[in-house]
Amino acid sequence: MTAHYDHVGVINGQIHNGADDDGSGTVSVIAMADAFMKAKKAGKGPRRSIVFMTVSGEEKGLLGSQYYTDHPIYPLAQTVTDLNIDMIGRIDDDHKTDTNYVYIIGDDKLSSDLRPISEAANKHTGLNLDYKYNDPNDPNRFYYRSDHYMFAQHKIPIIFYFNGVHEDYHRPGDKPEKIHYNLLAKRAKLVFYTAWEVANRKDRLKVDRNEK
């Protein structure tokens, strides 16, 4: 489970805090690590090992995730998925009147198992799963632009959770007071339930697709 804790820094004397990009993902990874540890202490630890990883250097070219895939804690051949959270605390212009959503990117690119698992997990949260940016012809090419892609290059199935860009993307206005915290929590729960299923199911995810 990944998110990046770097942002674009200070530009022309203005601090860019990156509360959504990607403070929202970083705190979600930490919260899920806490939840899984509580489950483990209650005797319900996951069947598979989980790495909760906040990487740096994403904004400079996915440097932290590339370093990890070059120097993994567990062999990549034994890594069944990467669930990557990069911006889940805000609302984009396309959803001003339909805020109960999250963009799902990459879930069907490498495995036919992952989308059904994700959609089943969504029964716990009831979000509208928007696949707009999963289109291989997406001109934004978001599939290639966050840390999950370093794993996908190694044929490891991934999901990228994303709220879309907004007026404060890479700008000083990306501040904590603009985060929709209840929505952030709901989106993080979707990631948690998806991770729970992947970590506890008997069989590892099939790698049976090779989609752009």
N, C-alpha and C. Protein backbone atom coordinates (compact mmCIF):
# COMPACT_ATOMS: atom_id res chain seq x y z
N MET A 1 0.86 -1.17 0.00
CA MET A 1 0.00 0.00 0.00
C MET A 1 0.89 1.22 0.00
N THR A 2 0.73 2.08 -0.98
CA THR A 2 1.67 3.17 -1.16
C THR A 2 0.97 4.53 -1.25
N ALA A 3 1.73 5.55 -0.89
CA ALA A 3 1.39 6.96 -1.10
C ALA A 3 2.71 7.71 -1.06
N HIS A 4 2.71 8.93 -1.57
CA HIS A 4 3.99 9.69 -1.53
C HIS A 4 3.86 10.88 -0.60
N TYR A 5 4.92 11.11 0.17
CA TYR A 5 4.88 12.20 1.15
C TYR A 5 5.65 13.44 0.71
N ASP A 6 6.20 13.42 -0.49
CA ASP A 6 6.83 14.64 -1.01
C ASP A 6 5.79 15.48 -1.76
N HIS A 7 6.09 16.77 -1.91
CA HIS A 7 5.27 17.64 -2.76
C HIS A 7 6.24 18.53 -3.54
N VAL A 8 5.75 19.63 -4.06
CA VAL A 8 6.59 20.43 -4.96
C VAL A 8 7.42 21.48 -4.22
N GLY A 9 7.21 21.64 -2.89
CA GLY A 9 8.10 22.48 -2.10
C GLY A 9 7.75 23.96 -2.12
N VAL A 10 8.77 24.79 -2.05
CA VAL A 10 8.61 26.25 -2.04
C VAL A 10 8.92 26.78 -3.44
N ILE A 11 7.97 27.49 -4.02
CA ILE A 11 8.14 28.05 -5.36
C ILE A 11 7.87 29.55 -5.30
N ASN A 12 8.84 30.33 -5.73
CA ASN A 12 8.72 31.80 -5.68
C ASN A 12 8.34 32.30 -4.29
N GLY A 13 8.94 31.66 -3.28
CA GLY A 13 8.72 32.07 -1.91
C GLY A 13 7.42 31.60 -1.29
N GLN A 14 6.60 30.85 -2.03
CA GLN A 14 5.32 30.37 -1.52
C GLN A 14 5.41 28.89 -1.18
N ILE A 15 4.93 28.54 0.02
CA ILE A 15 4.94 27.15 0.45
C ILE A 15 3.78 26.41 -0.19
N HIS A 16 4.08 25.28 -0.80
CA HIS A 16 3.07 24.39 -1.36
C HIS A 16 2.96 23.19 -0.42
N ASN A 17 1.90 23.18 0.40
CA ASN A 17 1.80 22.17 1.46
C ASN A 17 1.40 20.79 0.94
N GLY A 18 0.63 20.72 -0.14
CA GLY A 18 0.27 19.42 -0.69
C GLY A 18 -0.64 18.62 0.22
N ALA A 19 -1.63 19.26 0.82
CA ALA A 19 -2.52 18.54 1.73
C ALA A 19 -3.26 17.41 1.03
N ASP A 20 -3.69 17.66 -0.20
CA ASP A 20 -4.34 16.60 -0.98
C ASP A 20 -3.30 15.76 -1.70
N ASP A 21 -2.30 16.41 -2.24
CA ASP A 21 -1.27 15.76 -3.07
C ASP A 21 0.08 15.75 -2.37
N ASP A 22 0.40 14.79 -1.55
CA ASP A 22 -0.43 13.63 -1.30
C ASP A 22 -0.54 13.38 0.20
N GLY A 23 -0.76 14.48 0.95
CA GLY A 23 -1.02 14.29 2.37
C GLY A 23 -2.21 13.37 2.61
N SER A 24 -3.22 13.47 1.75
CA SER A 24 -4.42 12.64 1.92
C SER A 24 -4.09 11.16 1.79
N GLY A 25 -3.21 10.83 0.87
CA GLY A 25 -2.82 9.43 0.71
C GLY A 25 -1.92 8.95 1.84
N THR A 26 -1.00 9.81 2.27
CA THR A 26 -0.07 9.44 3.33
C THR A 26 -0.79 9.12 4.63
N VAL A 27 -1.73 10.00 5.02
CA VAL A 27 -2.45 9.74 6.27
C VAL A 27 -3.34 8.50 6.14
N SER A 28 -3.82 8.22 4.94
CA SER A 28 -4.64 7.03 4.73
C SER A 28 -3.82 5.77 4.92
N VAL A 29 -2.61 5.76 4.39
CA VAL A 29 -1.74 4.59 4.58
C VAL A 29 -1.45 4.38 6.06
N ILE A 30 -1.16 5.46 6.78
CA ILE A 30 -0.89 5.35 8.22
C ILE A 30 -2.11 4.84 8.97
N ALA A 31 -3.29 5.36 8.62
CA ALA A 31 -4.52 4.92 9.29
C ALA A 31 -4.78 3.44 9.03
N MET A 32 -4.53 2.98 7.82
CA MET A 32 -4.76 1.56 7.52
C MET A 32 -3.73 0.66 8.18
N ALA A 33 -2.50 1.14 8.31
CA ALA A 33 -1.51 0.37 9.06
C ALA A 33 -1.97 0.19 10.50
N ASP A 34 -2.51 1.26 11.08
CA ASP A 34 -3.03 1.19 12.44
C ASP A 34 -4.20 0.20 12.53
N ALA A 35 -5.09 0.24 11.55
CA ALA A 35 -6.25 -0.66 11.56
C ALA A 35 -5.83 -2.12 11.44
N PHE A 36 -4.88 -2.41 10.56
CA PHE A 36 -4.43 -3.79 10.40
C PHE A 36 -3.69 -4.28 11.65
N MET A 37 -2.96 -3.39 12.32
CA MET A 37 -2.28 -3.79 13.55
C MET A 37 -3.29 -4.09 14.65
N LYS A 38 -4.36 -3.30 14.73
CA LYS A 38 -5.41 -3.59 15.71
C LYS A 38 -6.06 -4.93 15.43
N ALA A 39 -6.27 -5.23 14.15
CA ALA A 39 -6.83 -6.53 13.78
C ALA A 39 -5.89 -7.67 14.18
N LYS A 40 -4.59 -7.45 13.96
CA LYS A 40 -3.62 -8.48 14.31
C LYS A 40 -3.61 -8.73 15.82
N LYS A 41 -3.65 -7.65 16.61
CA LYS A 41 -3.66 -7.80 18.06
C LYS A 41 -4.92 -8.49 18.55
N ALA A 42 -6.00 -8.39 17.76
CA ALA A 42 -7.25 -9.05 18.10
C ALA A 42 -7.30 -10.48 17.58
N GLY A 43 -6.18 -10.95 17.03
CA GLY A 43 -6.10 -12.33 16.54
C GLY A 43 -6.62 -12.49 15.13
N LYS A 44 -6.73 -11.39 14.38
CA LYS A 44 -7.27 -11.45 13.03
C LYS A 44 -6.30 -10.84 12.03
N GLY A 45 -5.03 -11.17 12.22
CA GLY A 45 -4.01 -10.63 11.33
C GLY A 45 -4.16 -11.19 9.93
N PRO A 46 -3.67 -10.46 8.92
CA PRO A 46 -3.82 -10.90 7.54
C PRO A 46 -2.99 -12.14 7.23
N ARG A 47 -3.48 -12.92 6.28
CA ARG A 47 -2.76 -14.12 5.84
C ARG A 47 -1.45 -13.75 5.17
N ARG A 48 -1.46 -12.68 4.40
CA ARG A 48 -0.26 -12.24 3.68
C ARG A 48 0.38 -11.06 4.40
N SER A 49 1.68 -10.90 4.21
CA SER A 49 2.38 -9.72 4.73
C SER A 49 1.95 -8.49 3.94
N ILE A 50 1.88 -7.37 4.62
CA ILE A 50 1.54 -6.11 3.98
C ILE A 50 2.65 -5.10 4.26
N VAL A 51 3.10 -4.43 3.22
CA VAL A 51 4.06 -3.34 3.36
C VAL A 51 3.28 -2.03 3.23
N PHE A 52 3.33 -1.22 4.28
CA PHE A 52 2.71 0.12 4.26
C PHE A 52 3.84 1.11 3.97
N MET A 53 3.81 1.72 2.83
CA MET A 53 4.99 2.45 2.37
C MET A 53 4.63 3.85 1.89
N THR A 54 5.21 4.86 2.54
CA THR A 54 5.11 6.23 2.05
C THR A 54 6.45 6.59 1.44
N VAL A 55 6.44 6.82 0.15
CA VAL A 55 7.69 7.04 -0.58
C VAL A 55 7.91 8.53 -0.82
N SER A 56 9.14 8.86 -1.15
CA SER A 56 9.47 10.22 -1.53
C SER A 56 9.85 10.26 -3.01
N GLY A 57 10.00 11.46 -3.53
CA GLY A 57 10.49 11.63 -4.89
C GLY A 57 9.47 11.35 -5.99
N GLU A 58 8.19 11.22 -5.64
CA GLU A 58 7.19 10.98 -6.68
C GLU A 58 7.13 12.14 -7.65
N GLU A 59 7.15 13.35 -7.11
CA GLU A 59 7.04 14.53 -7.96
C GLU A 59 8.27 14.74 -8.85
N LYS A 60 9.37 14.08 -8.50
CA LYS A 60 10.59 14.19 -9.29
C LYS A 60 10.72 13.07 -10.33
N GLY A 61 9.69 12.20 -10.39
CA GLY A 61 9.74 11.12 -11.38
C GLY A 61 9.62 9.74 -10.78
N LEU A 62 8.77 9.57 -9.78
CA LEU A 62 8.51 8.25 -9.16
C LEU A 62 9.79 7.64 -8.59
N LEU A 63 10.64 8.46 -8.03
CA LEU A 63 11.97 7.99 -7.62
C LEU A 63 11.91 7.02 -6.44
N GLY A 64 11.05 7.31 -5.44
CA GLY A 64 10.99 6.43 -4.27
C GLY A 64 10.44 5.07 -4.61
N SER A 65 9.38 5.02 -5.39
CA SER A 65 8.81 3.72 -5.75
C SER A 65 9.74 2.95 -6.69
N GLN A 66 10.46 3.66 -7.53
CA GLN A 66 11.44 2.98 -8.37
C GLN A 66 12.56 2.38 -7.52
N TYR A 67 12.98 3.13 -6.50
CA TYR A 67 14.02 2.58 -5.62
C TYR A 67 13.52 1.31 -4.93
N TYR A 68 12.27 1.37 -4.47
CA TYR A 68 11.74 0.17 -3.80
C TYR A 68 11.69 -1.02 -4.75
N THR A 69 11.18 -0.83 -5.96
CA THR A 69 11.08 -1.98 -6.86
C THR A 69 12.46 -2.48 -7.28
N ASP A 70 13.47 -1.62 -7.19
CA ASP A 70 14.84 -2.07 -7.44
C ASP A 70 15.45 -2.75 -6.22
N HIS A 71 14.93 -2.43 -5.00
CA HIS A 71 15.46 -2.97 -3.75
C HIS A 71 14.29 -3.39 -2.85
N PRO A 72 13.50 -4.34 -3.26
CA PRO A 72 12.28 -4.68 -2.51
C PRO A 72 12.58 -5.39 -1.19
N ILE A 73 11.69 -5.17 -0.20
CA ILE A 73 11.78 -5.89 1.07
C ILE A 73 11.45 -7.36 0.87
N TYR A 74 10.41 -7.61 0.09
CA TYR A 74 10.02 -8.97 -0.30
C TYR A 74 10.18 -9.09 -1.81
N PRO A 75 10.57 -10.25 -2.32
CA PRO A 75 10.77 -10.38 -3.77
C PRO A 75 9.54 -9.93 -4.55
N LEU A 76 9.75 -9.23 -5.65
CA LEU A 76 8.63 -8.77 -6.45
C LEU A 76 7.80 -9.94 -6.96
N ALA A 77 8.43 -11.09 -7.16
CA ALA A 77 7.70 -12.27 -7.61
C ALA A 77 6.67 -12.73 -6.57
N GLN A 78 6.85 -12.31 -5.32
CA GLN A 78 5.93 -12.68 -4.26
C GLN A 78 4.98 -11.51 -3.91
N THR A 79 5.06 -10.43 -4.64
CA THR A 79 4.22 -9.27 -4.38
C THR A 79 2.96 -9.38 -5.23
N VAL A 80 1.80 -9.43 -4.58
CA VAL A 80 0.57 -9.72 -5.31
C VAL A 80 -0.14 -8.48 -5.82
N THR A 81 0.06 -7.33 -5.19
CA THR A 81 -0.60 -6.11 -5.67
C THR A 81 0.04 -4.89 -5.04
N ASP A 82 -0.19 -3.74 -5.67
CA ASP A 82 0.08 -2.44 -5.05
C ASP A 82 -1.19 -1.62 -5.11
N LEU A 83 -1.67 -1.19 -3.97
CA LEU A 83 -2.81 -0.27 -3.88
C LEU A 83 -2.24 1.10 -3.58
N ASN A 84 -2.31 2.00 -4.53
CA ASN A 84 -1.64 3.30 -4.43
C ASN A 84 -2.66 4.42 -4.28
N ILE A 85 -2.46 5.26 -3.28
CA ILE A 85 -3.38 6.35 -2.98
C ILE A 85 -2.67 7.68 -3.24
N ASP A 86 -3.16 8.42 -4.22
CA ASP A 86 -2.53 9.68 -4.58
C ASP A 86 -3.63 10.71 -4.86
N MET A 87 -4.01 11.46 -3.81
CA MET A 87 -5.04 12.49 -3.87
C MET A 87 -6.44 11.88 -3.72
N ILE A 88 -6.93 11.81 -2.47
CA ILE A 88 -8.30 11.35 -2.25
C ILE A 88 -9.05 12.27 -1.27
N GLY A 89 -8.60 13.51 -1.14
CA GLY A 89 -9.20 14.40 -0.15
C GLY A 89 -10.03 15.55 -0.71
N ARG A 90 -10.12 15.65 -2.03
CA ARG A 90 -10.81 16.79 -2.63
C ARG A 90 -11.83 16.33 -3.67
N ILE A 91 -12.46 17.30 -4.34
CA ILE A 91 -13.47 17.05 -5.36
C ILE A 91 -13.06 17.81 -6.62
N ASP A 92 -13.15 17.16 -7.77
CA ASP A 92 -12.79 17.87 -9.00
C ASP A 92 -14.03 18.53 -9.61
N ASP A 93 -13.82 19.30 -10.65
CA ASP A 93 -14.91 20.08 -11.25
C ASP A 93 -16.01 19.20 -11.83
N ASP A 94 -15.66 18.01 -12.29
CA ASP A 94 -16.65 17.12 -12.90
C ASP A 94 -17.63 16.53 -11.88
N HIS A 95 -17.33 16.67 -10.58
CA HIS A 95 -18.16 16.03 -9.55
C HIS A 95 -18.68 17.03 -8.51
N LYS A 96 -18.82 18.28 -8.90
CA LYS A 96 -19.30 19.29 -7.95
C LYS A 96 -20.69 18.95 -7.43
N THR A 97 -21.50 18.29 -8.27
CA THR A 97 -22.86 17.93 -7.85
C THR A 97 -22.99 16.45 -7.52
N ASP A 98 -21.89 15.70 -7.62
CA ASP A 98 -21.89 14.27 -7.33
C ASP A 98 -20.58 13.95 -6.63
N THR A 99 -20.52 14.28 -5.35
CA THR A 99 -19.24 14.22 -4.63
C THR A 99 -18.91 12.82 -4.09
N ASN A 100 -19.84 11.90 -4.16
CA ASN A 100 -19.63 10.57 -3.59
C ASN A 100 -18.96 9.65 -4.61
N TYR A 101 -17.72 9.94 -4.91
CA TYR A 101 -17.04 9.22 -5.99
C TYR A 101 -15.57 9.04 -5.67
N VAL A 102 -14.93 8.19 -6.45
CA VAL A 102 -13.47 8.11 -6.50
C VAL A 102 -13.10 7.55 -7.86
N TYR A 103 -12.03 8.06 -8.44
CA TYR A 103 -11.54 7.50 -9.69
C TYR A 103 -10.75 6.23 -9.40
N ILE A 104 -11.02 5.19 -10.17
CA ILE A 104 -10.29 3.93 -10.09
C ILE A 104 -9.52 3.77 -11.39
N ILE A 105 -8.22 3.63 -11.26
CA ILE A 105 -7.35 3.55 -12.44
C ILE A 105 -6.49 2.30 -12.35
N GLY A 106 -6.44 1.53 -13.44
CA GLY A 106 -5.50 0.42 -13.56
C GLY A 106 -5.97 -0.90 -13.01
N ASP A 107 -7.18 -0.96 -12.46
CA ASP A 107 -7.60 -2.18 -11.76
C ASP A 107 -7.76 -3.39 -12.67
N ASP A 108 -7.95 -3.17 -13.97
CA ASP A 108 -8.14 -4.30 -14.89
C ASP A 108 -6.99 -4.45 -15.88
N LYS A 109 -5.91 -3.73 -15.67
CA LYS A 109 -4.83 -3.74 -16.66
C LYS A 109 -4.06 -5.06 -16.68
N LEU A 110 -3.87 -5.65 -15.51
CA LEU A 110 -3.00 -6.83 -15.42
C LEU A 110 -3.69 -8.06 -14.86
N SER A 111 -4.80 -7.89 -14.18
CA SER A 111 -5.48 -9.02 -13.55
C SER A 111 -6.99 -8.91 -13.74
N SER A 112 -7.63 -10.03 -14.06
CA SER A 112 -9.09 -10.05 -14.14
C SER A 112 -9.72 -10.20 -12.77
N ASP A 113 -8.93 -10.44 -11.73
CA ASP A 113 -9.45 -10.63 -10.38
C ASP A 113 -9.70 -9.32 -9.64
N LEU A 114 -8.94 -8.29 -9.95
CA LEU A 114 -8.88 -7.13 -9.06
C LEU A 114 -10.14 -6.27 -9.12
N ARG A 115 -10.69 -6.04 -10.31
CA ARG A 115 -11.90 -5.22 -10.37
C ARG A 115 -13.07 -5.85 -9.62
N PRO A 116 -13.35 -7.15 -9.80
CA PRO A 116 -14.44 -7.74 -9.00
C PRO A 116 -14.22 -7.62 -7.50
N ILE A 117 -12.97 -7.74 -7.05
CA ILE A 117 -12.67 -7.59 -5.63
C ILE A 117 -12.94 -6.16 -5.19
N SER A 118 -12.49 -5.20 -5.98
CA SER A 118 -12.70 -3.79 -5.66
C SER A 118 -14.18 -3.45 -5.61
N GLU A 119 -14.94 -3.93 -6.58
CA GLU A 119 -16.36 -3.61 -6.62
C GLU A 119 -17.13 -4.29 -5.49
N ALA A 120 -16.70 -5.48 -5.10
CA ALA A 120 -17.31 -6.14 -3.94
C ALA A 120 -16.99 -5.38 -2.66
N ALA A 121 -15.75 -4.89 -2.55
CA ALA A 121 -15.36 -4.11 -1.38
C ALA A 121 -16.18 -2.82 -1.29
N ASN A 122 -16.57 -2.29 -2.43
CA ASN A 122 -17.32 -1.04 -2.45
C ASN A 122 -18.73 -1.19 -1.89
N LYS A 123 -19.19 -2.41 -1.70
CA LYS A 123 -20.48 -2.60 -1.06
C LYS A 123 -20.47 -2.07 0.38
N HIS A 124 -19.27 -1.98 0.97
CA HIS A 124 -19.13 -1.45 2.33
C HIS A 124 -19.15 0.08 2.36
N THR A 125 -18.88 0.71 1.21
CA THR A 125 -18.72 2.16 1.19
C THR A 125 -19.71 2.88 0.28
N GLY A 126 -20.15 2.24 -0.78
CA GLY A 126 -21.17 2.84 -1.64
C GLY A 126 -20.71 4.04 -2.43
N LEU A 127 -19.43 4.06 -2.78
CA LEU A 127 -18.93 5.14 -3.62
C LEU A 127 -19.28 4.89 -5.08
N ASN A 128 -19.36 5.95 -5.85
CA ASN A 128 -19.46 5.81 -7.30
C ASN A 128 -18.04 5.65 -7.85
N LEU A 129 -17.77 4.48 -8.41
CA LEU A 129 -16.44 4.20 -8.94
C LEU A 129 -16.37 4.71 -10.37
N ASP A 130 -15.57 5.72 -10.58
CA ASP A 130 -15.47 6.39 -11.87
C ASP A 130 -14.23 5.86 -12.60
N TYR A 131 -14.45 5.23 -13.76
CA TYR A 131 -13.35 4.64 -14.53
C TYR A 131 -12.91 5.52 -15.69
N LYS A 132 -13.30 6.77 -15.67
CA LYS A 132 -12.99 7.68 -16.78
C LYS A 132 -11.51 7.67 -17.14
N TYR A 133 -10.65 7.77 -16.14
CA TYR A 133 -9.22 7.89 -16.41
C TYR A 133 -8.54 6.54 -16.59
N ASN A 134 -9.31 5.46 -16.55
CA ASN A 134 -8.76 4.15 -16.86
C ASN A 134 -8.72 3.90 -18.37
N ASP A 135 -9.32 4.78 -19.11
CA ASP A 135 -9.34 4.69 -20.58
C ASP A 135 -7.91 4.74 -21.11
N PRO A 136 -7.50 3.76 -21.92
CA PRO A 136 -6.13 3.78 -22.46
C PRO A 136 -5.85 5.00 -23.33
N ASN A 137 -6.92 5.67 -23.79
CA ASN A 137 -6.75 6.87 -24.60
C ASN A 137 -6.85 8.16 -23.78
N ASP A 138 -6.85 8.03 -22.46
CA ASP A 138 -6.90 9.21 -21.60
C ASP A 138 -5.71 10.12 -21.91
N PRO A 139 -5.96 11.34 -22.37
CA PRO A 139 -4.85 12.23 -22.73
C PRO A 139 -4.01 12.66 -21.52
N ASN A 140 -4.56 12.55 -20.30
CA ASN A 140 -3.79 12.90 -19.11
C ASN A 140 -2.75 11.85 -18.74
N ARG A 141 -2.97 10.61 -19.19
CA ARG A 141 -2.04 9.50 -18.94
C ARG A 141 -1.78 9.31 -17.44
N PHE A 142 -2.84 9.43 -16.63
CA PHE A 142 -2.67 9.31 -15.18
C PHE A 142 -2.14 7.93 -14.78
N TYR A 143 -2.47 6.91 -15.54
CA TYR A 143 -2.00 5.55 -15.22
C TYR A 143 -0.48 5.49 -15.10
N TYR A 144 0.20 6.34 -15.83
CA TYR A 144 1.66 6.30 -15.87
C TYR A 144 2.31 7.31 -14.92
N ARG A 145 1.50 8.03 -14.12
CA ARG A 145 2.03 9.22 -13.45
C ARG A 145 2.12 9.13 -11.94
N SER A 146 1.87 7.96 -11.35
CA SER A 146 2.04 7.87 -9.90
C SER A 146 2.74 6.55 -9.56
N ASP A 147 3.01 6.34 -8.29
CA ASP A 147 3.95 5.31 -7.86
C ASP A 147 3.54 3.89 -8.22
N HIS A 148 2.25 3.63 -8.37
CA HIS A 148 1.82 2.28 -8.74
C HIS A 148 2.47 1.81 -10.04
N TYR A 149 2.80 2.75 -10.92
CA TYR A 149 3.29 2.35 -12.24
C TYR A 149 4.63 1.62 -12.16
N MET A 150 5.42 1.92 -11.15
CA MET A 150 6.68 1.20 -10.99
C MET A 150 6.42 -0.29 -10.72
N PHE A 151 5.32 -0.58 -10.02
CA PHE A 151 4.94 -1.97 -9.77
C PHE A 151 4.33 -2.60 -11.02
N ALA A 152 3.49 -1.84 -11.70
CA ALA A 152 2.85 -2.36 -12.91
C ALA A 152 3.87 -2.75 -13.97
N GLN A 153 4.97 -2.04 -14.03
CA GLN A 153 6.02 -2.38 -14.99
C GLN A 153 6.59 -3.76 -14.73
N HIS A 154 6.45 -4.23 -13.49
CA HIS A 154 6.91 -5.58 -13.13
C HIS A 154 5.76 -6.59 -13.14
N LYS A 155 4.67 -6.24 -13.80
CA LYS A 155 3.50 -7.12 -13.95
C LYS A 155 2.85 -7.44 -12.60
N ILE A 156 2.89 -6.49 -11.69
CA ILE A 156 2.20 -6.60 -10.40
C ILE A 156 0.88 -5.84 -10.52
N PRO A 157 -0.26 -6.49 -10.34
CA PRO A 157 -1.55 -5.79 -10.46
C PRO A 157 -1.64 -4.62 -9.49
N ILE A 158 -2.29 -3.56 -9.93
CA ILE A 158 -2.37 -2.33 -9.14
C ILE A 158 -3.77 -1.72 -9.19
N ILE A 159 -4.04 -0.88 -8.21
CA ILE A 159 -5.14 0.09 -8.30
C ILE A 159 -4.59 1.44 -7.87
N PHE A 160 -4.95 2.46 -8.63
CA PHE A 160 -4.61 3.84 -8.31
C PHE A 160 -5.91 4.54 -7.93
N TYR A 161 -5.99 5.04 -6.69
CA TYR A 161 -7.15 5.76 -6.17
C TYR A 161 -6.88 7.26 -6.25
N PHE A 162 -7.85 8.01 -6.79
CA PHE A 162 -7.57 9.39 -7.22
C PHE A 162 -8.87 10.19 -7.21
N ASN A 163 -8.79 11.47 -6.77
CA ASN A 163 -10.00 12.30 -6.84
C ASN A 163 -10.02 13.26 -8.02
N GLY A 164 -8.99 13.22 -8.86
CA GLY A 164 -8.91 14.13 -9.99
C GLY A 164 -8.26 15.44 -9.59
N VAL A 165 -7.85 16.21 -10.57
CA VAL A 165 -7.18 17.48 -10.30
C VAL A 165 -8.22 18.56 -10.00
N HIS A 166 -7.79 19.59 -9.31
CA HIS A 166 -8.67 20.70 -8.92
C HIS A 166 -7.89 22.00 -9.03
N GLU A 167 -8.52 23.10 -8.67
CA GLU A 167 -7.90 24.42 -8.87
C GLU A 167 -6.62 24.61 -8.05
N ASP A 168 -6.43 23.80 -7.01
CA ASP A 168 -5.24 23.95 -6.17
C ASP A 168 -4.15 22.91 -6.46
N TYR A 169 -4.31 22.18 -7.53
CA TYR A 169 -3.32 21.15 -7.90
C TYR A 169 -1.96 21.80 -8.15
N HIS A 170 -0.98 21.40 -7.36
CA HIS A 170 0.39 21.93 -7.47
C HIS A 170 0.43 23.45 -7.27
N ARG A 171 -0.47 23.93 -6.41
CA ARG A 171 -0.51 25.36 -6.11
C ARG A 171 -0.50 25.57 -4.59
N PRO A 172 -0.20 26.78 -4.13
CA PRO A 172 -0.14 27.03 -2.68
C PRO A 172 -1.47 26.80 -1.97
N GLY A 173 -2.57 26.79 -2.70
CA GLY A 173 -3.88 26.64 -2.07
C GLY A 173 -4.25 25.23 -1.67
N ASP A 174 -3.37 24.26 -1.91
CA ASP A 174 -3.66 22.86 -1.51
C ASP A 174 -3.40 22.73 -0.01
N LYS A 175 -4.37 23.21 0.78
CA LYS A 175 -4.21 23.33 2.23
C LYS A 175 -5.13 22.38 2.99
N PRO A 176 -4.79 22.05 4.23
CA PRO A 176 -5.59 21.10 5.02
C PRO A 176 -7.04 21.52 5.20
N GLU A 177 -7.31 22.82 5.33
CA GLU A 177 -8.69 23.24 5.58
C GLU A 177 -9.61 23.02 4.38
N LYS A 178 -9.05 22.69 3.23
CA LYS A 178 -9.87 22.43 2.05
C LYS A 178 -10.14 20.95 1.83
N ILE A 179 -9.61 20.11 2.69
CA ILE A 179 -9.84 18.67 2.57
C ILE A 179 -11.25 18.32 3.03
N HIS A 180 -11.90 17.43 2.31
CA HIS A 180 -13.21 16.89 2.71
C HIS A 180 -12.93 15.62 3.51
N TYR A 181 -12.82 15.76 4.81
CA TYR A 181 -12.31 14.66 5.64
C TYR A 181 -13.23 13.45 5.69
N ASN A 182 -14.54 13.65 5.71
CA ASN A 182 -15.44 12.50 5.71
C ASN A 182 -15.34 11.72 4.41
N LEU A 183 -15.20 12.43 3.31
CA LEU A 183 -15.05 11.77 2.02
C LEU A 183 -13.70 11.07 1.92
N LEU A 184 -12.65 11.70 2.43
CA LEU A 184 -11.34 11.07 2.47
C LEU A 184 -11.42 9.74 3.23
N ALA A 185 -12.08 9.75 4.39
CA ALA A 185 -12.19 8.54 5.21
C ALA A 185 -12.96 7.45 4.46
N LYS A 186 -14.01 7.84 3.76
CA LYS A 186 -14.82 6.87 3.03
C LYS A 186 -14.01 6.23 1.90
N ARG A 187 -13.25 7.04 1.21
CA ARG A 187 -12.40 6.50 0.14
C ARG A 187 -11.32 5.58 0.71
N ALA A 188 -10.74 5.97 1.85
CA ALA A 188 -9.73 5.12 2.48
C ALA A 188 -10.32 3.78 2.91
N LYS A 189 -11.58 3.79 3.34
CA LYS A 189 -12.23 2.53 3.72
C LYS A 189 -12.35 1.59 2.53
N LEU A 190 -12.60 2.13 1.35
CA LEU A 190 -12.64 1.29 0.15
C LEU A 190 -11.29 0.60 -0.06
N VAL A 191 -10.21 1.35 0.11
CA VAL A 191 -8.88 0.77 -0.03
C VAL A 191 -8.67 -0.31 1.03
N PHE A 192 -9.09 -0.02 2.25
CA PHE A 192 -8.92 -0.98 3.34
C PHE A 192 -9.65 -2.29 3.05
N TYR A 193 -10.91 -2.21 2.67
CA TYR A 193 -11.67 -3.44 2.41
C TYR A 193 -11.10 -4.22 1.23
N THR A 194 -10.60 -3.50 0.23
CA THR A 194 -9.95 -4.17 -0.90
C THR A 194 -8.68 -4.87 -0.45
N ALA A 195 -7.87 -4.17 0.34
CA ALA A 195 -6.64 -4.76 0.86
C ALA A 195 -6.93 -5.96 1.74
N TRP A 196 -7.97 -5.85 2.55
CA TRP A 196 -8.33 -6.95 3.45
C TRP A 196 -8.62 -8.23 2.67
N GLU A 197 -9.37 -8.10 1.58
CA GLU A 197 -9.71 -9.27 0.76
C GLU A 197 -8.47 -9.84 0.08
N VAL A 198 -7.66 -8.98 -0.52
CA VAL A 198 -6.47 -9.45 -1.21
C VAL A 198 -5.51 -10.12 -0.24
N ALA A 199 -5.38 -9.56 0.95
CA ALA A 199 -4.42 -10.08 1.94
C ALA A 199 -4.88 -11.39 2.57
N ASN A 200 -6.18 -11.68 2.53
CA ASN A 200 -6.70 -12.84 3.25
C ASN A 200 -7.24 -13.95 2.35
N ARG A 201 -7.37 -13.69 1.08
CA ARG A 201 -7.91 -14.73 0.19
C ARG A 201 -6.90 -15.86 0.01
N LYS A 202 -7.42 -17.04 -0.29
CA LYS A 202 -6.56 -18.21 -0.40
C LYS A 202 -5.60 -18.09 -1.58
N ASP A 203 -6.12 -17.68 -2.72
CA ASP A 203 -5.31 -17.64 -3.94
C ASP A 203 -4.80 -16.23 -4.21
N ARG A 204 -3.60 -16.15 -4.73
CA ARG A 204 -3.07 -14.86 -5.14
C ARG A 204 -3.78 -14.40 -6.40
N LEU A 205 -3.72 -13.12 -6.67
CA LEU A 205 -4.36 -12.57 -7.87
C LEU A 205 -3.76 -13.17 -9.13
N LYS A 206 -4.62 -13.51 -10.07
CA LYS A 206 -4.12 -13.95 -11.37
C LYS A 206 -3.51 -12.77 -12.10
N VAL A 207 -2.43 -13.02 -12.80
CA VAL A 207 -1.86 -12.02 -13.71
C VAL A 207 -2.12 -12.57 -15.11
N ASP A 208 -3.25 -12.18 -15.66
CA ASP A 208 -3.73 -12.80 -16.91
C ASP A 208 -4.14 -11.78 -17.97
N ARG A 209 -3.76 -10.53 -17.75
CA ARG A 209 -4.08 -9.48 -18.72
C ARG A 209 -2.84 -8.64 -18.98
N ASN A 210 -2.85 -7.95 -20.10
CA ASN A 210 -1.74 -7.06 -20.44
C ASN A 210 -2.29 -5.89 -21.24
N GLU A 211 -3.10 -5.06 -20.53
CA GLU A 211 -3.78 -3.95 -21.17
C GLU A 211 -3.01 -2.65 -20.98
N LYS A 212 -3.16 -1.75 -21.91
CA LYS A 212 -2.52 -0.43 -21.81
C LYS A 212 -3.30 0.46 -20.84
